[in-house]
Amino acid sequence: MEPRTPRSDPVTTAGRVGPVRPDVFGEGPAVIGHRGLGCGVVAGHRQNTLSSFAAAVRSGARWV
């Protein structure tokens, strides 16, 4: 089995010319939990903890 290497050629789809750029954030504003649920202690969750990140996701953050 050969080792995997990054693709150097552009990814294309049928009927489309040129590279496909992934839509990372989707349409509209992106909700991002920078420190999890918030700064300090929010709703009993301290920032930068697993419980804070999980609470941010439950609250609708797509990125943490």
N, C-alpha and C. Protein backbone atom coordinates (compact mmCIF):
# COMPACT_ATOMS: atom_id res chain seq x y z
N MET A 1 0.84 -1.18 0.00
CA MET A 1 0.00 0.00 0.00
C MET A 1 0.89 1.24 0.00
N GLU A 2 0.60 2.16 -0.92
CA GLU A 2 1.40 3.38 -1.02
C GLU A 2 0.96 4.39 0.03
N PRO A 3 1.91 5.18 0.54
CA PRO A 3 1.52 6.21 1.52
C PRO A 3 0.65 7.27 0.86
N ARG A 4 -0.27 7.82 1.64
CA ARG A 4 -1.16 8.86 1.12
C ARG A 4 -0.41 10.18 1.05
N THR A 5 -0.66 10.91 -0.02
CA THR A 5 -0.04 12.22 -0.19
C THR A 5 -1.14 13.24 -0.46
N PRO A 6 -0.92 14.50 -0.11
CA PRO A 6 -1.94 15.52 -0.39
C PRO A 6 -2.19 15.63 -1.89
N ARG A 7 -3.42 15.95 -2.25
CA ARG A 7 -3.76 16.13 -3.66
C ARG A 7 -3.14 17.42 -4.16
N SER A 8 -2.51 17.35 -5.31
CA SER A 8 -1.95 18.57 -5.90
C SER A 8 -2.80 19.06 -7.06
N ASP A 9 -3.68 18.19 -7.58
CA ASP A 9 -4.54 18.59 -8.69
C ASP A 9 -5.86 19.12 -8.13
N PRO A 10 -6.49 20.08 -8.81
CA PRO A 10 -7.75 20.63 -8.30
C PRO A 10 -8.87 19.60 -8.34
N VAL A 11 -9.76 19.68 -7.37
CA VAL A 11 -10.92 18.80 -7.33
C VAL A 11 -11.99 19.43 -8.19
N THR A 12 -12.60 18.63 -9.06
CA THR A 12 -13.65 19.15 -9.92
C THR A 12 -14.89 18.27 -9.79
N THR A 13 -16.02 18.82 -10.16
CA THR A 13 -17.25 18.05 -10.20
C THR A 13 -17.77 18.04 -11.62
N ALA A 14 -18.62 17.09 -11.93
CA ALA A 14 -19.16 16.96 -13.28
C ALA A 14 -19.89 18.25 -13.68
N GLY A 15 -19.58 18.75 -14.85
CA GLY A 15 -20.24 19.94 -15.35
C GLY A 15 -19.68 21.25 -14.80
N ARG A 16 -18.69 21.16 -13.96
CA ARG A 16 -18.11 22.37 -13.38
C ARG A 16 -16.64 22.44 -13.75
N VAL A 17 -16.20 23.63 -14.11
CA VAL A 17 -14.81 23.81 -14.49
C VAL A 17 -14.11 24.56 -13.36
N GLY A 18 -12.95 24.11 -12.99
CA GLY A 18 -12.18 24.79 -11.95
C GLY A 18 -12.27 24.07 -10.62
N PRO A 19 -11.47 24.54 -9.67
CA PRO A 19 -11.43 23.87 -8.37
C PRO A 19 -12.71 24.09 -7.58
N VAL A 20 -13.05 23.12 -6.75
CA VAL A 20 -14.20 23.22 -5.87
C VAL A 20 -13.71 23.77 -4.53
N ARG A 21 -14.28 24.86 -4.10
CA ARG A 21 -13.90 25.44 -2.81
C ARG A 21 -14.95 25.04 -1.79
N PRO A 22 -14.54 24.38 -0.72
CA PRO A 22 -15.53 23.95 0.26
C PRO A 22 -16.20 25.15 0.93
N ASP A 23 -17.47 25.02 1.20
CA ASP A 23 -18.23 26.05 1.89
C ASP A 23 -18.09 25.78 3.38
N VAL A 24 -17.08 26.36 3.99
CA VAL A 24 -16.72 26.04 5.37
C VAL A 24 -17.77 26.49 6.36
N PHE A 25 -18.24 27.72 6.27
CA PHE A 25 -19.14 28.26 7.28
C PHE A 25 -20.61 28.21 6.89
N GLY A 26 -20.92 27.87 5.63
CA GLY A 26 -22.31 27.85 5.21
C GLY A 26 -22.78 29.27 4.92
N GLU A 27 -24.07 29.42 4.71
CA GLU A 27 -24.62 30.73 4.40
C GLU A 27 -25.01 31.44 5.69
N GLY A 28 -24.93 32.76 5.66
CA GLY A 28 -25.31 33.55 6.82
C GLY A 28 -24.21 33.58 7.86
N PRO A 29 -24.49 34.21 8.99
CA PRO A 29 -23.47 34.31 10.04
C PRO A 29 -23.17 32.96 10.66
N ALA A 30 -21.93 32.76 11.07
CA ALA A 30 -21.51 31.52 11.73
C ALA A 30 -21.46 31.77 13.23
N VAL A 31 -22.08 30.89 14.00
CA VAL A 31 -22.03 30.98 15.46
C VAL A 31 -20.83 30.16 15.91
N ILE A 32 -19.87 30.84 16.55
CA ILE A 32 -18.63 30.19 16.96
C ILE A 32 -18.46 30.37 18.47
N GLY A 33 -18.26 29.25 19.19
CA GLY A 33 -18.01 29.31 20.64
C GLY A 33 -16.52 29.40 20.86
N HIS A 34 -15.98 30.63 20.91
CA HIS A 34 -14.53 30.83 20.99
C HIS A 34 -13.92 30.19 22.24
N ARG A 35 -14.54 30.37 23.38
CA ARG A 35 -14.05 29.77 24.63
C ARG A 35 -15.03 28.75 25.15
N GLY A 36 -15.90 28.30 24.31
CA GLY A 36 -16.97 27.43 24.74
C GLY A 36 -18.24 28.25 24.83
N LEU A 37 -18.93 28.15 25.96
CA LEU A 37 -20.19 28.86 26.10
C LEU A 37 -20.00 30.35 26.32
N GLY A 38 -18.89 30.77 26.89
CA GLY A 38 -18.67 32.19 27.10
C GLY A 38 -17.42 32.47 27.91
N CYS A 39 -17.24 33.71 28.30
CA CYS A 39 -16.06 34.15 29.05
C CYS A 39 -16.33 34.04 30.55
N GLY A 40 -15.38 33.49 31.29
CA GLY A 40 -15.56 33.33 32.74
C GLY A 40 -16.36 32.09 33.03
N VAL A 41 -17.41 32.23 33.83
CA VAL A 41 -18.31 31.12 34.13
C VAL A 41 -19.70 31.53 33.66
N VAL A 42 -20.25 30.75 32.72
CA VAL A 42 -21.58 31.03 32.16
C VAL A 42 -22.45 29.81 32.39
N ALA A 43 -23.58 30.00 33.04
CA ALA A 43 -24.53 28.91 33.32
C ALA A 43 -23.83 27.73 33.99
N GLY A 44 -22.86 28.03 34.85
CA GLY A 44 -22.16 26.98 35.59
C GLY A 44 -21.02 26.32 34.83
N HIS A 45 -20.71 26.78 33.63
CA HIS A 45 -19.64 26.20 32.82
C HIS A 45 -18.47 27.18 32.74
N ARG A 46 -17.29 26.75 33.20
CA ARG A 46 -16.09 27.60 33.13
C ARG A 46 -15.55 27.56 31.70
N GLN A 47 -15.06 28.72 31.21
CA GLN A 47 -14.54 28.81 29.83
C GLN A 47 -13.41 27.81 29.59
N ASN A 48 -13.27 27.41 28.35
CA ASN A 48 -12.21 26.50 27.89
C ASN A 48 -12.23 25.15 28.58
N THR A 49 -13.41 24.65 28.92
CA THR A 49 -13.54 23.30 29.48
C THR A 49 -14.42 22.48 28.55
N LEU A 50 -14.32 21.17 28.66
CA LEU A 50 -15.12 20.29 27.82
C LEU A 50 -16.61 20.55 28.02
N SER A 51 -17.03 20.77 29.27
CA SER A 51 -18.45 21.03 29.51
C SER A 51 -18.89 22.34 28.87
N SER A 52 -18.01 23.34 28.84
CA SER A 52 -18.34 24.61 28.20
C SER A 52 -18.46 24.46 26.68
N PHE A 53 -17.57 23.67 26.08
CA PHE A 53 -17.66 23.42 24.64
C PHE A 53 -18.93 22.64 24.30
N ALA A 54 -19.26 21.63 25.11
CA ALA A 54 -20.48 20.85 24.88
C ALA A 54 -21.72 21.73 25.02
N ALA A 55 -21.73 22.62 26.01
CA ALA A 55 -22.86 23.54 26.21
C ALA A 55 -22.98 24.50 25.03
N ALA A 56 -21.86 24.94 24.48
CA ALA A 56 -21.89 25.83 23.32
C ALA A 56 -22.52 25.13 22.12
N VAL A 57 -22.17 23.86 21.91
CA VAL A 57 -22.75 23.10 20.80
C VAL A 57 -24.25 22.92 21.02
N ARG A 58 -24.65 22.59 22.25
CA ARG A 58 -26.08 22.44 22.54
C ARG A 58 -26.83 23.75 22.34
N SER A 59 -26.15 24.87 22.50
CA SER A 59 -26.76 26.19 22.33
C SER A 59 -26.80 26.64 20.87
N GLY A 60 -26.19 25.87 19.97
CA GLY A 60 -26.26 26.20 18.55
C GLY A 60 -24.95 26.60 17.90
N ALA A 61 -23.84 26.60 18.63
CA ALA A 61 -22.54 26.93 18.02
C ALA A 61 -22.14 25.80 17.08
N ARG A 62 -21.80 26.16 15.84
CA ARG A 62 -21.37 25.16 14.86
C ARG A 62 -19.87 24.93 14.95
N TRP A 63 -19.14 25.88 15.50
CA TRP A 63 -17.69 25.80 15.62
C TRP A 63 -17.30 26.16 17.06
N VAL A 64 -16.41 25.41 17.64
CA VAL A 64 -15.88 25.74 18.97
C VAL A 64 -14.38 25.70 18.95
